[in-house]
């Protein structure tokens, strides 16, 4: 989505700067990572608790 917005902005303004495409995409990736971090952490903790710790403990 960020790529489409940046591409549209570049087409409308004729600005073809490489940093203009890079910075918003990295920002969008960081925002998605930050928003989904609690879900990823909960999933990883549940995986370790339910699967790996019983394997390590041998039960």
Protein backbone atom coordinates (compact mmCIF):
# COMPACT_ATOMS: atom_id res chain seq x y z
CA UNK A 1 0.00 0.00 0.00
CA UNK A 2 2.85 2.35 0.83
CA UNK A 3 4.44 1.60 -2.55
CA UNK A 4 1.25 2.52 -4.40
CA UNK A 5 0.91 5.81 -2.55
CA UNK A 6 4.55 6.74 -3.13
CA UNK A 7 4.34 5.74 -6.79
CA UNK A 8 1.22 7.85 -7.27
CA UNK A 9 2.86 10.81 -5.55
CA UNK A 10 5.93 10.46 -7.78
CA UNK A 11 3.80 10.27 -10.91
CA UNK A 12 1.81 13.34 -9.94
CA UNK A 13 4.80 15.48 -8.96
CA UNK A 14 7.50 14.13 -11.33
CA UNK A 15 9.87 13.66 -8.39
CA UNK A 16 12.03 10.58 -8.98
CA UNK A 17 14.11 10.52 -5.81
CA UNK A 18 15.22 7.09 -4.54
CA UNK A 19 14.99 8.03 -0.86
CA UNK A 20 11.39 9.07 -1.44
CA UNK A 21 10.52 5.45 -2.20
CA UNK A 22 12.74 3.85 0.44
CA UNK A 23 11.86 5.79 3.60
CA UNK A 24 8.03 5.42 3.51
CA UNK A 25 8.29 1.70 2.78
CA UNK A 26 10.66 1.14 5.70
CA UNK A 27 8.36 3.24 7.90
CA UNK A 28 5.36 1.14 6.88
CA UNK A 29 7.26 -2.07 7.65
CA UNK A 30 8.22 -0.77 11.10
CA UNK A 31 4.63 0.23 11.87
CA UNK A 32 3.30 -3.20 10.86
CA UNK A 33 6.01 -4.90 12.93
CA UNK A 34 5.22 -2.73 15.96
CA UNK A 35 1.46 -3.34 15.68
CA UNK A 36 1.82 -7.12 15.30
CA UNK A 37 4.54 -7.53 17.94
CA UNK A 38 2.15 -8.51 20.76
CA UNK A 39 0.56 -11.25 18.61
CA UNK A 40 3.96 -12.58 17.53
CA UNK A 41 5.24 -12.61 21.11
CA UNK A 42 2.14 -14.41 22.43
CA UNK A 43 2.38 -17.01 19.66
CA UNK A 44 6.06 -17.65 20.30
CA UNK A 45 5.57 -17.96 24.07
CA UNK A 46 2.67 -20.38 23.56
CA UNK A 47 4.77 -22.47 21.16
CA UNK A 48 7.64 -22.71 23.63
CA UNK A 49 5.33 -23.47 26.56
CA UNK A 50 3.20 -26.07 24.76
CA UNK A 51 5.73 -27.79 22.49
CA UNK A 52 9.38 -27.20 23.27
CA UNK A 53 9.48 -27.18 27.06
CA UNK A 54 7.74 -30.60 27.31
CA UNK A 55 10.22 -31.98 24.75
CA UNK A 56 13.15 -30.64 26.75
CA UNK A 57 11.70 -31.91 30.04
CA UNK A 58 11.13 -35.33 28.51
CA UNK A 59 7.46 -35.68 29.30
